[in-house]
């Protein structure tokens, strides 16, 4: 991966942690997130394949509410396809039911 595979970072403060601004470029300049391009998704799938082949059956997605639901769903669906009995946990960290709603039925959340 190279620089073009990452979103530019932006300051994320206050309400941005829970509103529509929460998806790309977050981290208050401490880190930058990857774009959901085919190149990035295929790289992640190769990594998931290695983990599944090694016997891993549990997957935790940190900061799941900061991943666009369609992107996260692609990862969850891929894991389920490759390892139907995998346990998948999504860290949402919100007491707002709306933050959990997009992920209901996919995996456990907190």
Protein backbone atom coordinates (compact mmCIF):
# COMPACT_ATOMS: atom_id res chain seq x y z
CA UNK A 1 0.00 0.00 0.00
CA UNK A 2 1.12 3.56 -0.55
CA UNK A 3 0.13 7.14 0.26
CA UNK A 4 -2.75 7.16 -2.27
CA UNK A 5 -4.44 4.32 -0.38
CA UNK A 6 -5.02 6.52 2.68
CA UNK A 7 -7.52 9.30 3.37
CA UNK A 8 -6.02 12.61 4.43
CA UNK A 9 -6.59 13.11 8.14
CA UNK A 10 -8.69 15.84 9.66
CA UNK A 11 -9.30 17.14 13.15
CA UNK A 12 -12.11 15.19 14.73
CA UNK A 13 -13.55 16.76 17.82
CA UNK A 14 -16.81 16.78 19.77
CA UNK A 15 -19.85 15.70 17.77
CA UNK A 16 -17.73 14.43 14.88
CA UNK A 17 -17.17 11.16 16.78
CA UNK A 18 -20.85 10.26 16.34
CA UNK A 19 -22.07 12.12 13.25
CA UNK A 20 -21.65 11.64 9.49
CA UNK A 21 -18.11 13.07 9.73
CA UNK A 22 -16.98 10.01 11.68
CA UNK A 23 -16.04 7.87 8.68
CA UNK A 24 -13.04 9.17 6.73
CA UNK A 25 -9.86 10.86 7.85
CA UNK A 26 -10.51 10.63 11.56
CA UNK A 27 -8.01 10.46 14.35
CA UNK A 28 -7.20 14.10 15.13
CA UNK A 29 -4.03 13.81 13.06
CA UNK A 30 -2.61 10.88 15.01
CA UNK A 31 -3.25 8.34 12.24
CA UNK A 32 -4.97 8.09 8.90
CA UNK A 33 -7.40 5.47 7.69
CA UNK A 34 -7.34 3.38 4.54
CA UNK A 35 -9.67 4.04 1.63
CA UNK A 36 -12.11 1.23 0.80
CA UNK A 37 -10.70 0.60 -2.66
CA UNK A 38 -10.60 -2.77 -4.37
CA UNK A 39 -6.82 -2.83 -3.82
CA UNK A 40 -7.20 -2.30 -0.07
CA UNK A 41 -10.10 -4.74 0.29
CA UNK A 42 -8.19 -7.46 -1.57
CA UNK A 43 -5.14 -6.92 0.64
CA UNK A 44 -7.34 -7.25 3.73
CA UNK A 45 -8.98 -10.38 2.33
CA UNK A 46 -5.56 -11.96 1.83
CA UNK A 47 -4.74 -11.17 5.46
CA UNK A 48 -8.07 -12.64 6.60
CA UNK A 49 -7.32 -15.78 4.56
CA UNK A 50 -4.01 -16.20 6.40
CA UNK A 51 -5.72 -15.82 9.77
CA UNK A 52 -8.52 -18.25 8.90
CA UNK A 53 -6.05 -20.80 7.50
CA UNK A 54 -4.14 -20.51 10.79
CA UNK A 55 -7.32 -21.47 12.67
CA UNK A 56 -8.51 -18.06 13.85
CA UNK A 57 -12.27 -18.10 14.39
CA UNK A 58 -12.81 -14.82 16.21
CA UNK A 59 -12.58 -11.35 14.71
CA UNK A 60 -12.88 -7.96 16.43
CA UNK A 61 -13.31 -4.79 14.42
CA UNK A 62 -12.02 -1.89 16.49
CA UNK A 63 -13.80 1.46 16.05
CA UNK A 64 -16.46 -0.18 13.86
CA UNK A 65 -18.70 2.89 13.91
CA UNK A 66 -15.94 4.72 12.02
CA UNK A 67 -16.08 2.24 9.14
CA UNK A 68 -18.76 2.82 6.53
CA UNK A 69 -21.41 0.11 6.95
CA UNK A 70 -21.15 -1.12 3.33
CA UNK A 71 -17.39 -1.59 3.76
CA UNK A 72 -17.72 -3.34 7.10
CA UNK A 73 -20.47 -5.56 5.67
CA UNK A 74 -18.09 -6.63 2.87
CA UNK A 75 -15.55 -7.77 5.50
CA UNK A 76 -18.18 -9.54 7.61
CA UNK A 77 -19.65 -11.28 4.56
CA UNK A 78 -16.18 -12.38 3.44
CA UNK A 79 -15.36 -13.82 6.86
CA UNK A 80 -18.73 -15.63 6.99
CA UNK A 81 -18.11 -17.05 3.50
CA UNK A 82 -14.64 -18.31 4.43
CA UNK A 83 -15.44 -19.38 8.01
CA UNK A 84 -19.21 -19.72 8.62
CA UNK A 85 -18.81 -20.41 12.35
CA UNK A 86 -16.53 -17.41 13.03
CA UNK A 87 -17.37 -15.11 15.93
CA UNK A 88 -17.40 -11.47 14.88
CA UNK A 89 -17.49 -8.54 17.30
CA UNK A 90 -17.89 -4.90 16.29
CA UNK A 91 -16.69 -2.23 18.72
CA UNK A 92 -19.21 0.57 18.38
CA UNK A 93 -18.84 2.12 21.88
CA UNK A 94 -22.00 4.14 22.03
CA UNK A 95 -25.14 4.03 24.12
CA UNK A 96 -27.04 5.52 21.16
CA UNK A 97 -29.08 2.74 19.50
CA UNK A 98 -28.78 4.56 16.15
CA UNK A 99 -25.03 3.94 16.20
CA UNK A 100 -25.64 0.18 16.52
CA UNK A 101 -28.60 -0.04 14.11
CA UNK A 102 -26.64 -0.49 10.84
CA UNK A 103 -24.87 -3.55 12.27
CA UNK A 104 -27.79 -5.41 13.89
CA UNK A 105 -27.88 -9.02 12.82
CA UNK A 106 -24.30 -8.99 11.50
CA UNK A 107 -22.35 -9.46 14.70
CA UNK A 108 -22.23 -8.60 18.40
CA UNK A 109 -21.65 -4.93 19.25
CA UNK A 110 -20.98 -2.79 22.31
